[in-house]
């Protein structure tokens, strides 16, 4: 407790025992600040979960392409680098609209 509050263990023992020779206000203030931080951390829930969907500009363009293909009764080919959100955007589109099928494809390695 003393280490986390930023005071020495002997000073903490003396303050709590009522035997601290100097003015204890500074130490008591540090303890109060530490207790307030501790209470705040305990009241805070765990790290929030990552959102399932984030409407990035790339994702919006993918959704627009899929919406056009859906409306026109055609297909849409979505391509790009790994990790830009192609599959996630397609899954979001399929979640929003019925009768949507997704085929995720990769090119086989050469040779």
PDB file of N, CA and C in Angstrom:
ATOM      1  N   UNK A   1       0.825  -1.179   0.000  1.00  0.00           N
ATOM      2  CA  UNK A   1       0.000   0.000   0.000  1.00  0.00           C
ATOM      3  C   UNK A   1       0.874   1.250   0.000  1.00  0.00           C
ATOM      4  N   UNK A   2       1.892   1.248   0.853  1.00  0.00           N
ATOM      5  CA  UNK A   2       2.771   2.409   0.948  1.00  0.00           C
ATOM      6  C   UNK A   2       3.487   2.639  -0.382  1.00  0.00           C
ATOM      7  N   UNK A   3       3.993   1.575  -0.974  1.00  0.00           N
ATOM      8  CA  UNK A   3       4.712   1.702  -2.241  1.00  0.00           C
ATOM      9  C   UNK A   3       3.795   2.252  -3.324  1.00  0.00           C
ATOM     10  N   UNK A   4       2.566   1.743  -3.414  1.00  0.00           N
ATOM     11  CA  UNK A   4       1.626   2.207  -4.429  1.00  0.00           C
ATOM     12  C   UNK A   4       1.209   3.653  -4.187  1.00  0.00           C
ATOM     13  N   UNK A   5       1.147   4.056  -2.928  1.00  0.00           N
ATOM     14  CA  UNK A   5       0.773   5.434  -2.592  1.00  0.00           C
ATOM     15  C   UNK A   5       1.963   6.386  -2.713  1.00  0.00           C
ATOM     16  N   UNK A   6       3.162   5.837  -2.831  1.00  0.00           N
ATOM     17  CA  UNK A   6       4.350   6.674  -2.991  1.00  0.00           C
ATOM     18  C   UNK A   6       4.917   7.202  -1.685  1.00  0.00           C
ATOM     19  N   UNK A   7       4.734   6.445  -0.616  1.00  0.00           N
ATOM     20  CA  UNK A   7       5.305   6.836   0.684  1.00  0.00           C
ATOM     21  C   UNK A   7       6.054   5.642   1.254  1.00  0.00           C
ATOM     22  N   UNK A   8       6.864   5.879   2.258  1.00  0.00           N
ATOM     23  CA  UNK A   8       7.629   4.776   2.850  1.00  0.00           C
ATOM     24  C   UNK A   8       6.733   3.962   3.784  1.00  0.00           C
ATOM     25  N   UNK A   9       7.067   2.686   3.897  1.00  0.00           N
ATOM     26  CA  UNK A   9       6.284   1.789   4.754  1.00  0.00           C
ATOM     27  C   UNK A   9       6.347   2.219   6.213  1.00  0.00           C
ATOM     28  N   UNK A  10       7.516   2.688   6.648  1.00  0.00           N
ATOM     29  CA  UNK A  10       7.632   3.101   8.060  1.00  0.00           C
ATOM     30  C   UNK A  10       6.786   4.345   8.330  1.00  0.00           C
ATOM     31  N   UNK A  11       6.751   5.284   7.384  1.00  0.00           N
ATOM     32  CA  UNK A  11       5.913   6.471   7.565  1.00  0.00           C
ATOM     33  C   UNK A  11       4.444   6.091   7.625  1.00  0.00           C
ATOM     34  N   UNK A  12       4.029   5.167   6.770  1.00  0.00           N
ATOM     35  CA  UNK A  12       2.642   4.714   6.783  1.00  0.00           C
ATOM     36  C   UNK A  12       2.293   4.072   8.120  1.00  0.00           C
ATOM     37  N   UNK A  13       3.170   3.219   8.591  1.00  0.00           N
ATOM     38  CA  UNK A  13       2.941   2.565   9.885  1.00  0.00           C
ATOM     39  C   UNK A  13       2.818   3.598  10.995  1.00  0.00           C
ATOM     40  N   UNK A  14       3.689   4.583  10.994  1.00  0.00           N
ATOM     41  CA  UNK A  14       3.647   5.617  12.030  1.00  0.00           C
ATOM     42  C   UNK A  14       2.367   6.454  11.938  1.00  0.00           C
ATOM     43  N   UNK A  15       1.964   6.828  10.719  1.00  0.00           N
ATOM     44  CA  UNK A  15       0.740   7.633  10.557  1.00  0.00           C
ATOM     45  C   UNK A  15      -0.472   6.839  11.017  1.00  0.00           C
ATOM     46  N   UNK A  16      -0.568   5.588  10.603  1.00  0.00           N
ATOM     47  CA  UNK A  16      -1.716   4.764  10.985  1.00  0.00           C
ATOM     48  C   UNK A  16      -1.738   4.484  12.488  1.00  0.00           C
ATOM     49  N   UNK A  17      -0.557   4.416  13.084  1.00  0.00           N
ATOM     50  CA  UNK A  17      -0.481   4.171  14.518  1.00  0.00           C
ATOM     51  C   UNK A  17      -0.602   5.438  15.359  1.00  0.00           C
ATOM     52  N   UNK A  18      -0.632   6.589  14.684  1.00  0.00           N
ATOM     53  CA  UNK A  18      -0.749   7.859  15.409  1.00  0.00           C
ATOM     54  C   UNK A  18       0.554   8.311  16.039  1.00  0.00           C
ATOM     55  N   UNK A  19       1.686   7.803  15.569  1.00  0.00           N
ATOM     56  CA  UNK A  19       2.984   8.124  16.161  1.00  0.00           C
ATOM     57  C   UNK A  19       3.890   8.884  15.200  1.00  0.00           C
ATOM     58  N   UNK A  20       3.359   9.447  14.150  1.00  0.00           N
ATOM     59  CA  UNK A  20       4.169  10.156  13.158  1.00  0.00           C
ATOM     60  C   UNK A  20       4.568  11.498  13.760  1.00  0.00           C
ATOM     61  N   UNK A  21       5.886  11.754  13.833  1.00  0.00           N
ATOM     62  CA  UNK A  21       6.390  12.947  14.534  1.00  0.00           C
ATOM     63  C   UNK A  21       6.135  14.236  13.761  1.00  0.00           C
ATOM     64  N   UNK A  22       6.206  14.188  12.435  1.00  0.00           N
ATOM     65  CA  UNK A  22       6.033  15.401  11.627  1.00  0.00           C
ATOM     66  C   UNK A  22       4.548  15.616  11.311  1.00  0.00           C
ATOM     67  N   UNK A  23       4.266  16.659  10.574  1.00  0.00           N
ATOM     68  CA  UNK A  23       2.898  16.957  10.152  1.00  0.00           C
ATOM     69  C   UNK A  23       2.476  15.902   9.111  1.00  0.00           C
ATOM     70  N   UNK A  24       1.444  15.123   9.370  1.00  0.00           N
ATOM     71  CA  UNK A  24       1.075  14.014   8.485  1.00  0.00           C
ATOM     72  C   UNK A  24       0.191  14.418   7.302  1.00  0.00           C
ATOM     73  N   UNK A  25      -0.111  15.695   7.135  1.00  0.00           N
ATOM     74  CA  UNK A  25      -1.058  16.103   6.087  1.00  0.00           C
ATOM     75  C   UNK A  25      -0.617  15.672   4.688  1.00  0.00           C
ATOM     76  N   UNK A  26       0.664  15.803   4.378  1.00  0.00           N
ATOM     77  CA  UNK A  26       1.157  15.432   3.043  1.00  0.00           C
ATOM     78  C   UNK A  26       0.966  13.935   2.807  1.00  0.00           C
ATOM     79  N   UNK A  27       1.298  13.130   3.814  1.00  0.00           N
ATOM     80  CA  UNK A  27       1.144  11.677   3.673  1.00  0.00           C
ATOM     81  C   UNK A  27      -0.329  11.286   3.594  1.00  0.00           C
ATOM     82  N   UNK A  28      -1.150  11.924   4.398  1.00  0.00           N
ATOM     83  CA  UNK A  28      -2.579  11.623   4.387  1.00  0.00           C
ATOM     84  C   UNK A  28      -3.188  12.016   3.038  1.00  0.00           C
ATOM     85  N   UNK A  29      -2.723  13.119   2.474  1.00  0.00           N
ATOM     86  CA  UNK A  29      -3.196  13.541   1.147  1.00  0.00           C
ATOM     87  C   UNK A  29      -2.820  12.506   0.097  1.00  0.00           C
ATOM     88  N   UNK A  30      -1.585  12.029   0.144  1.00  0.00           N
ATOM     89  CA  UNK A  30      -1.156  10.992  -0.804  1.00  0.00           C
ATOM     90  C   UNK A  30      -1.977   9.725  -0.645  1.00  0.00           C
ATOM     91  N   UNK A  31      -2.247   9.344   0.600  1.00  0.00           N
ATOM     92  CA  UNK A  31      -3.065   8.152   0.843  1.00  0.00           C
ATOM     93  C   UNK A  31      -4.477   8.350   0.302  1.00  0.00           C
ATOM     94  N   UNK A  32      -5.031   9.525   0.515  1.00  0.00           N
ATOM     95  CA  UNK A  32      -6.379   9.813   0.018  1.00  0.00           C
ATOM     96  C   UNK A  32      -6.413   9.766  -1.507  1.00  0.00           C
ATOM     97  N   UNK A  33      -5.387  10.301  -2.151  1.00  0.00           N
ATOM     98  CA  UNK A  33      -5.319  10.261  -3.617  1.00  0.00           C
ATOM     99  C   UNK A  33      -5.201   8.829  -4.113  1.00  0.00           C
ATOM    100  N   UNK A  34      -4.395   8.039  -3.428  1.00  0.00           N
ATOM    101  CA  UNK A  34      -4.237   6.638  -3.810  1.00  0.00           C
ATOM    102  C   UNK A  34      -5.562   5.898  -3.648  1.00  0.00           C
ATOM    103  N   UNK A  35      -6.249   6.116  -2.542  1.00  0.00           N
ATOM    104  CA  UNK A  35      -7.533   5.460  -2.311  1.00  0.00           C
ATOM    105  C   UNK A  35      -8.564   5.894  -3.361  1.00  0.00           C
ATOM    106  N   UNK A  36      -8.549   7.152  -3.742  1.00  0.00           N
ATOM    107  CA  UNK A  36      -9.487   7.637  -4.765  1.00  0.00           C
ATOM    108  C   UNK A  36      -9.210   6.960  -6.104  1.00  0.00           C
ATOM    109  N   UNK A  37      -7.916   6.842  -6.477  1.00  0.00           N
ATOM    110  CA  UNK A  37      -7.561   6.149  -7.725  1.00  0.00           C
ATOM    111  C   UNK A  37      -7.981   4.688  -7.676  1.00  0.00           C
ATOM    112  N   UNK A  38      -7.763   4.060  -6.535  1.00  0.00           N
ATOM    113  CA  UNK A  38      -8.128   2.651  -6.367  1.00  0.00           C
ATOM    114  C   UNK A  38      -9.635   2.472  -6.502  1.00  0.00           C
ATOM    115  N   UNK A  39     -10.397   3.335  -5.870  1.00  0.00           N
ATOM    116  CA  UNK A  39     -11.861   3.260  -5.974  1.00  0.00           C
ATOM    117  C   UNK A  39     -12.322   3.489  -7.403  1.00  0.00           C
ATOM    118  N   UNK A  40     -11.679   4.418  -8.095  1.00  0.00           N
ATOM    119  CA  UNK A  40     -12.028   4.708  -9.482  1.00  0.00           C
ATOM    120  C   UNK A  40     -11.730   3.498 -10.367  1.00  0.00           C
ATOM    121  N   UNK A  41     -10.596   2.852 -10.149  1.00  0.00           N
ATOM    122  CA  UNK A  41     -10.244   1.672 -10.943  1.00  0.00           C
ATOM    123  C   UNK A  41     -11.204   0.526 -10.684  1.00  0.00           C
ATOM    124  N   UNK A  42     -11.613   0.342  -9.437  1.00  0.00           N
ATOM    125  CA  UNK A  42     -12.520  -0.754  -9.107  1.00  0.00           C
ATOM    126  C   UNK A  42     -13.924  -0.489  -9.629  1.00  0.00           C
ATOM    127  N   UNK A  43     -14.314   0.764  -9.706  1.00  0.00           N
ATOM    128  CA  UNK A  43     -15.643   1.106 -10.220  1.00  0.00           C
ATOM    129  C   UNK A  43     -15.696   1.002 -11.734  1.00  0.00           C
ATOM    130  N   UNK A  44     -14.530   1.097 -12.363  1.00  0.00           N
ATOM    131  CA  UNK A  44     -14.456   1.046 -13.816  1.00  0.00           C
ATOM    132  C   UNK A  44     -14.562  -0.413 -14.265  1.00  0.00           C
ATOM    133  N   UNK A  45     -15.420  -0.671 -15.239  1.00  0.00           N
ATOM    134  CA  UNK A  45     -15.489  -2.049 -15.740  1.00  0.00           C
ATOM    135  C   UNK A  45     -14.189  -2.413 -16.459  1.00  0.00           C
ATOM    136  N   UNK A  46     -14.079  -3.651 -16.788  1.00  0.00           N
ATOM    137  CA  UNK A  46     -12.900  -4.109 -17.519  1.00  0.00           C
ATOM    138  C   UNK A  46     -12.829  -3.382 -18.858  1.00  0.00           C
ATOM    139  N   UNK A  47     -11.742  -3.537 -19.520  1.00  0.00           N
ATOM    140  CA  UNK A  47     -11.552  -2.894 -20.819  1.00  0.00           C
ATOM    141  C   UNK A  47     -12.762  -3.182 -21.693  1.00  0.00           C
ATOM    142  N   UNK A  48     -13.332  -2.166 -22.311  1.00  0.00           N
ATOM    143  CA  UNK A  48     -14.515  -2.415 -23.143  1.00  0.00           C
ATOM    144  C   UNK A  48     -14.179  -3.303 -24.330  1.00  0.00           C
ATOM    145  N   UNK A  49     -15.167  -4.058 -24.746  1.00  0.00           N
ATOM    146  CA  UNK A  49     -14.967  -4.955 -25.877  1.00  0.00           C
ATOM    147  C   UNK A  49     -14.836  -4.143 -27.156  1.00  0.00           C
ATOM    148  N   UNK A  50     -14.061  -4.653 -28.059  1.00  0.00           N
ATOM    149  CA  UNK A  50     -13.899  -3.995 -29.351  1.00  0.00           C
ATOM    150  C   UNK A  50     -15.222  -4.042 -30.098  1.00  0.00           C
ATOM    151  N   UNK A  51     -15.565  -2.988 -30.795  1.00  0.00           N
ATOM    152  CA  UNK A  51     -16.819  -3.012 -31.539  1.00  0.00           C
ATOM    153  C   UNK A  51     -16.771  -4.054 -32.644  1.00  0.00           C
ATOM    154  N   UNK A  52     -17.907  -4.659 -32.925  1.00  0.00           N
ATOM    155  CA  UNK A  52     -17.965  -5.673 -33.978  1.00  0.00           C
ATOM    156  C   UNK A  52     -17.867  -5.029 -35.349  1.00  0.00           C
ATOM    157  N   UNK A  53     -18.273  -3.779 -35.446  1.00  0.00           N
ATOM    158  CA  UNK A  53     -18.297  -3.116 -36.746  1.00  0.00           C
ATOM    159  C   UNK A  53     -17.887  -1.664 -36.588  1.00  0.00           C
ATOM    160  N   UNK A  54     -16.994  -1.209 -37.456  1.00  0.00           N
ATOM    161  CA  UNK A  54     -16.597   0.199 -37.500  1.00  0.00           C
ATOM    162  C   UNK A  54     -16.725   0.644 -38.958  1.00  0.00           C
ATOM    163  N   UNK A  55     -17.504   1.678 -39.174  1.00  0.00           N
ATOM    164  CA  UNK A  55     -17.759   2.155 -40.533  1.00  0.00           C
ATOM    165  C   UNK A  55     -16.617   3.042 -41.006  1.00  0.00           C
ATOM    166  N   UNK A  56     -15.555   2.433 -41.484  1.00  0.00           N
ATOM    167  CA  UNK A  56     -14.418   3.177 -42.033  1.00  0.00           C
ATOM    168  C   UNK A  56     -14.747   3.602 -43.458  1.00  0.00           C
ATOM    169  N   UNK A  57     -14.005   4.551 -44.023  1.00  0.00           N
ATOM    170  CA  UNK A  57     -14.250   4.924 -45.428  1.00  0.00           C
ATOM    171  C   UNK A  57     -14.133   3.730 -46.378  1.00  0.00           C
ATOM    172  N   UNK A  58     -13.167   2.863 -46.151  1.00  0.00           N
ATOM    173  CA  UNK A  58     -13.018   1.672 -46.998  1.00  0.00           C
ATOM    174  C   UNK A  58     -14.235   0.770 -46.855  1.00  0.00           C
ATOM    175  N   UNK A  59     -14.675   0.565 -45.629  1.00  0.00           N
ATOM    176  CA  UNK A  59     -15.840  -0.289 -45.395  1.00  0.00           C
ATOM    177  C   UNK A  59     -17.080   0.292 -46.062  1.00  0.00           C
ATOM    178  N   UNK A  60     -17.234   1.597 -46.024  1.00  0.00           N
ATOM    179  CA  UNK A  60     -18.389   2.235 -46.666  1.00  0.00           C
ATOM    180  C   UNK A  60     -18.352   2.037 -48.182  1.00  0.00           C
ATOM    181  N   UNK A  61     -17.157   2.115 -48.781  1.00  0.00           N
ATOM    182  CA  UNK A  61     -17.032   1.873 -50.223  1.00  0.00           C
ATOM    183  C   UNK A  61     -17.375   0.420 -50.568  1.00  0.00           C
ATOM    184  N   UNK A  62     -16.958  -0.489 -49.709  1.00  0.00           N
ATOM    185  CA  UNK A  62     -17.273  -1.907 -49.935  1.00  0.00           C
ATOM    186  C   UNK A  62     -18.772  -2.121 -49.829  1.00  0.00           C
ATOM    187  N   UNK A  63     -19.400  -1.546 -48.819  1.00  0.00           N
ATOM    188  CA  UNK A  63     -20.849  -1.678 -48.662  1.00  0.00           C
ATOM    189  C   UNK A  63     -21.581  -1.095 -49.874  1.00  0.00           C
ATOM    190  N   UNK A  64     -21.091   0.018 -50.388  1.00  0.00           N
ATOM    191  CA  UNK A  64     -21.720   0.628 -51.561  1.00  0.00           C
ATOM    192  C   UNK A  64     -21.609  -0.286 -52.774  1.00  0.00           C
ATOM    193  N   UNK A  65     -20.455  -0.899 -52.978  1.00  0.00           N
ATOM    194  CA  UNK A  65     -20.275  -1.817 -54.103  1.00  0.00           C
ATOM    195  C   UNK A  65     -21.193  -3.025 -53.962  1.00  0.00           C
ATOM    196  N   UNK A  66     -21.293  -3.548 -52.751  1.00  0.00           N
ATOM    197  CA  UNK A  66     -22.163  -4.698 -52.520  1.00  0.00           C
ATOM    198  C   UNK A  66     -23.633  -4.324 -52.699  1.00  0.00           C
ATOM    199  N   UNK A  67     -24.010  -3.125 -52.256  1.00  0.00           N
ATOM    200  CA  UNK A  67     -25.398  -2.678 -52.413  1.00  0.00           C
ATOM    201  C   UNK A  67     -25.756  -2.539 -53.889  1.00  0.00           C
ATOM    202  N   UNK A  68     -24.828  -1.995 -54.678  1.00  0.00           N
ATOM    203  CA  UNK A  68     -25.083  -1.871 -56.113  1.00  0.00           C
ATOM    204  C   UNK A  68     -25.253  -3.251 -56.743  1.00  0.00           C
ATOM    205  N   UNK A  69     -24.365  -4.172 -56.436  1.00  0.00           N
ATOM    206  CA  UNK A  69     -24.449  -5.524 -57.009  1.00  0.00           C
ATOM    207  C   UNK A  69     -25.745  -6.201 -56.571  1.00  0.00           C
ATOM    208  N   UNK A  70     -26.140  -5.999 -55.347  1.00  0.00           N
ATOM    209  CA  UNK A  70     -27.369  -6.586 -54.828  1.00  0.00           C
ATOM    210  C   UNK A  70     -28.573  -6.015 -55.579  1.00  0.00           C
ATOM    211  N   UNK A  71     -28.595  -4.696 -55.751  1.00  0.00           N
ATOM    212  CA  UNK A  71     -29.695  -4.034 -56.434  1.00  0.00           C
ATOM    213  C   UNK A  71     -29.748  -4.438 -57.911  1.00  0.00           C
ATOM    214  N   UNK A  72     -28.598  -4.552 -58.546  1.00  0.00           N
ATOM    215  CA  UNK A  72     -28.534  -4.851 -59.977  1.00  0.00           C
ATOM    216  C   UNK A  72     -28.623  -6.350 -60.278  1.00  0.00           C
ATOM    217  N   UNK A  73     -28.627  -7.173 -59.237  1.00  0.00           N
ATOM    218  CA  UNK A  73     -28.649  -8.620 -59.458  1.00  0.00           C
ATOM    219  C   UNK A  73     -27.364  -9.113 -60.093  1.00  0.00           C
ATOM    220  N   UNK A  74     -26.266  -8.547 -59.679  1.00  0.00           N
ATOM    221  CA  UNK A  74     -24.969  -8.840 -60.275  1.00  0.00           C
ATOM    222  C   UNK A  74     -24.023  -9.292 -59.164  1.00  0.00           C
ATOM    223  N   UNK A  75     -22.751  -9.369 -59.474  1.00  0.00           N
ATOM    224  CA  UNK A  75     -21.758  -9.693 -58.453  1.00  0.00           C
ATOM    225  C   UNK A  75     -20.850  -8.485 -58.254  1.00  0.00           C
ATOM    226  N   UNK A  76     -20.179  -8.481 -57.133  1.00  0.00           N
ATOM    227  CA  UNK A  76     -19.177  -7.445 -56.866  1.00  0.00           C
ATOM    228  C   UNK A  76     -17.887  -8.144 -56.500  1.00  0.00           C
ATOM    229  N   UNK A  77     -16.815  -7.696 -57.078  1.00  0.00           N
ATOM    230  CA  UNK A  77     -15.495  -8.227 -56.738  1.00  0.00           C
ATOM    231  C   UNK A  77     -14.810  -7.175 -55.883  1.00  0.00           C
ATOM    232  N   UNK A  78     -14.472  -7.566 -54.675  1.00  0.00           N
ATOM    233  CA  UNK A  78     -13.805  -6.676 -53.728  1.00  0.00           C
ATOM    234  C   UNK A  78     -12.396  -7.225 -53.544  1.00  0.00           C
ATOM    235  N   UNK A  79     -11.398  -6.409 -53.777  1.00  0.00           N
ATOM    236  CA  UNK A  79     -10.021  -6.857 -53.616  1.00  0.00           C
ATOM    237  C   UNK A  79      -9.215  -5.771 -52.932  1.00  0.00           C
ATOM    238  N   UNK A  80      -8.132  -6.183 -52.346  1.00  0.00           N
ATOM    239  CA  UNK A  80      -7.251  -5.240 -51.669  1.00  0.00           C
ATOM    240  C   UNK A  80      -6.329  -5.982 -50.735  1.00  0.00           C
ATOM    241  N   UNK A  81      -5.473  -5.227 -50.090  1.00  0.00           N
ATOM    242  CA  UNK A  81      -4.490  -5.816 -49.189  1.00  0.00           C
ATOM    243  C   UNK A  81      -5.139  -6.459 -47.966  1.00  0.00           C
ATOM    244  N   UNK A  82      -4.347  -7.280 -47.313  1.00  0.00           N
ATOM    245  CA  UNK A  82      -4.824  -7.964 -46.109  1.00  0.00           C
ATOM    246  C   UNK A  82      -5.080  -6.957 -44.989  1.00  0.00           C
ATOM    247  N   UNK A  83      -6.167  -7.166 -44.271  1.00  0.00           N
ATOM    248  CA  UNK A  83      -6.445  -6.364 -43.086  1.00  0.00           C
ATOM    249  C   UNK A  83      -7.155  -5.050 -43.316  1.00  0.00           C
ATOM    250  N   UNK A  84      -7.635  -4.789 -44.519  1.00  0.00           N
ATOM    251  CA  UNK A  84      -8.317  -3.513 -44.762  1.00  0.00           C
ATOM    252  C   UNK A  84      -9.808  -3.583 -44.442  1.00  0.00           C
ATOM    253  N   UNK A  85     -10.316  -4.777 -44.173  1.00  0.00           N
ATOM    254  CA  UNK A  85     -11.709  -4.905 -43.750  1.00  0.00           C
ATOM    255  C   UNK A  85     -12.655  -5.451 -44.797  1.00  0.00           C
ATOM    256  N   UNK A  86     -12.122  -6.116 -45.812  1.00  0.00           N
ATOM    257  CA  UNK A  86     -12.977  -6.634 -46.881  1.00  0.00           C
ATOM    258  C   UNK A  86     -13.973  -7.663 -46.349  1.00  0.00           C
ATOM    259  N   UNK A  87     -13.478  -8.666 -45.672  1.00  0.00           N
ATOM    260  CA  UNK A  87     -14.342  -9.730 -45.162  1.00  0.00           C
ATOM    261  C   UNK A  87     -15.282  -9.205 -44.087  1.00  0.00           C
ATOM    262  N   UNK A  88     -14.789  -8.356 -43.218  1.00  0.00           N
ATOM    263  CA  UNK A  88     -15.631  -7.800 -42.158  1.00  0.00           C
ATOM    264  C   UNK A  88     -16.764  -6.973 -42.743  1.00  0.00           C
ATOM    265  N   UNK A  89     -16.478  -6.178 -43.767  1.00  0.00           N
ATOM    266  CA  UNK A  89     -17.523  -5.378 -44.409  1.00  0.00           C
ATOM    267  C   UNK A  89     -18.535  -6.284 -45.102  1.00  0.00           C
ATOM    268  N   UNK A  90     -18.072  -7.322 -45.773  1.00  0.00           N
ATOM    269  CA  UNK A  90     -18.992  -8.249 -46.435  1.00  0.00           C
ATOM    270  C   UNK A  90     -19.874  -8.962 -45.421  1.00  0.00           C
ATOM    271  N   UNK A  91     -19.305  -9.350 -44.316  1.00  0.00           N
ATOM    272  CA  UNK A  91     -20.108  -9.998 -43.257  1.00  0.00           C
ATOM    273  C   UNK A  91     -21.137  -9.030 -42.677  1.00  0.00           C
ATOM    274  N   UNK A  92     -20.748  -7.772 -42.535  1.00  0.00           N
ATOM    275  CA  UNK A  92     -21.694  -6.768 -42.041  1.00  0.00           C
ATOM    276  C   UNK A  92     -22.840  -6.593 -43.031  1.00  0.00           C
ATOM    277  N   UNK A  93     -22.532  -6.566 -44.318  1.00  0.00           N
ATOM    278  CA  UNK A  93     -23.573  -6.444 -45.331  1.00  0.00           C
ATOM    279  C   UNK A  93     -24.524  -7.641 -45.257  1.00  0.00           C
ATOM    280  N   UNK A  94     -23.959  -8.842 -45.131  1.00  0.00           N
ATOM    281  CA  UNK A  94     -24.776 -10.057 -45.040  1.00  0.00           C
ATOM    282  C   UNK A  94     -25.621 -10.050 -43.763  1.00  0.00           C
ATOM    283  N   UNK A  95     -25.108  -9.467 -42.705  1.00  0.00           N
ATOM    284  CA  UNK A  95     -25.872  -9.386 -41.458  1.00  0.00           C
ATOM    285  C   UNK A  95     -27.079  -8.459 -41.628  1.00  0.00           C
ATOM    286  N   UNK A  96     -26.902  -7.398 -42.397  1.00  0.00           N
ATOM    287  CA  UNK A  96     -27.962  -6.406 -42.572  1.00  0.00           C
ATOM    288  C   UNK A  96     -29.062  -6.845 -43.532  1.00  0.00           C
ATOM    289  N   UNK A  97     -28.714  -7.632 -44.545  1.00  0.00           N
ATOM    290  CA  UNK A  97     -29.652  -7.947 -45.611  1.00  0.00           C
ATOM    291  C   UNK A  97     -29.810  -9.455 -45.767  1.00  0.00           C
ATOM    292  N   UNK A  98     -31.053  -9.918 -45.996  1.00  0.00           N
ATOM    293  CA  UNK A  98     -31.271 -11.360 -46.189  1.00  0.00           C
ATOM    294  C   UNK A  98     -30.831 -11.808 -47.589  1.00  0.00           C
ATOM    295  N   UNK A  99     -30.669 -13.094 -47.741  1.00  0.00           N
ATOM    296  CA  UNK A  99     -30.336 -13.714 -49.032  1.00  0.00           C
ATOM    297  C   UNK A  99     -29.042 -13.171 -49.632  1.00  0.00           C
ATOM    298  N   UNK A 100     -28.036 -13.038 -48.806  1.00  0.00           N
ATOM    299  CA  UNK A 100     -26.718 -12.609 -49.262  1.00  0.00           C
ATOM    300  C   UNK A 100     -25.746 -13.742 -48.974  1.00  0.00           C
ATOM    301  N   UNK A 101     -24.982 -14.122 -49.987  1.00  0.00           N
ATOM    302  CA  UNK A 101     -23.992 -15.171 -49.827  1.00  0.00           C
ATOM    303  C   UNK A 101     -22.610 -14.570 -50.042  1.00  0.00           C
ATOM    304  N   UNK A 102     -21.663 -15.023 -49.278  1.00  0.00           N
ATOM    305  CA  UNK A 102     -20.297 -14.510 -49.364  1.00  0.00           C
ATOM    306  C   UNK A 102     -19.367 -15.660 -49.735  1.00  0.00           C
ATOM    307  N   UNK A 103     -18.515 -15.418 -50.703  1.00  0.00           N
ATOM    308  CA  UNK A 103     -17.465 -16.371 -51.053  1.00  0.00           C
ATOM    309  C   UNK A 103     -16.137 -15.646 -50.880  1.00  0.00           C
ATOM    310  N   UNK A 104     -15.359 -16.075 -49.915  1.00  0.00           N
ATOM    311  CA  UNK A 104     -14.047 -15.476 -49.672  1.00  0.00           C
ATOM    312  C   UNK A 104     -13.013 -16.364 -50.352  1.00  0.00           C
ATOM    313  N   UNK A 105     -12.219 -15.788 -51.213  1.00  0.00           N
ATOM    314  CA  UNK A 105     -11.292 -16.594 -52.002  1.00  0.00           C
ATOM    315  C   UNK A 105      -9.860 -16.087 -51.847  1.00  0.00           C
ATOM    316  N   UNK A 106      -8.949 -17.009 -52.018  1.00  0.00           N
ATOM    317  CA  UNK A 106      -7.524 -16.659 -52.040  1.00  0.00           C
ATOM    318  C   UNK A 106      -6.903 -17.301 -53.265  1.00  0.00           C
ATOM    319  N   UNK A 107      -5.846 -16.717 -53.708  1.00  0.00           N
ATOM    320  CA  UNK A 107      -5.102 -17.259 -54.851  1.00  0.00           C
ATOM    321  C   UNK A 107      -4.163 -18.329 -54.324  1.00  0.00           C
ATOM    322  N   UNK A 108      -4.094 -19.471 -54.970  1.00  0.00           N
ATOM    323  CA  UNK A 108      -3.154 -20.501 -54.507  1.00  0.00           C
ATOM    324  C   UNK A 108      -1.720 -20.029 -54.692  1.00  0.00           C
ATOM    325  N   UNK A 109      -0.829 -20.499 -53.853  1.00  0.00           N
ATOM    326  CA  UNK A 109       0.568 -20.111 -54.013  1.00  0.00           C
ATOM    327  C   UNK A 109       1.131 -20.635 -55.328  1.00  0.00           C
ATOM    328  N   UNK A 110       2.069 -19.916 -55.903  1.00  0.00           N
ATOM    329  CA  UNK A 110       2.639 -20.369 -57.186  1.00  0.00           C
ATOM    330  C   UNK A 110       3.394 -21.686 -57.022  1.00  0.00           C
ATOM    331  N   UNK A 111       3.381 -22.462 -58.092  1.00  0.00           N
ATOM    332  CA  UNK A 111       4.177 -23.676 -58.118  1.00  0.00           C
ATOM    333  C   UNK A 111       3.403 -24.855 -57.863  1.00  0.00           C
TER     334      UNK A 111
END
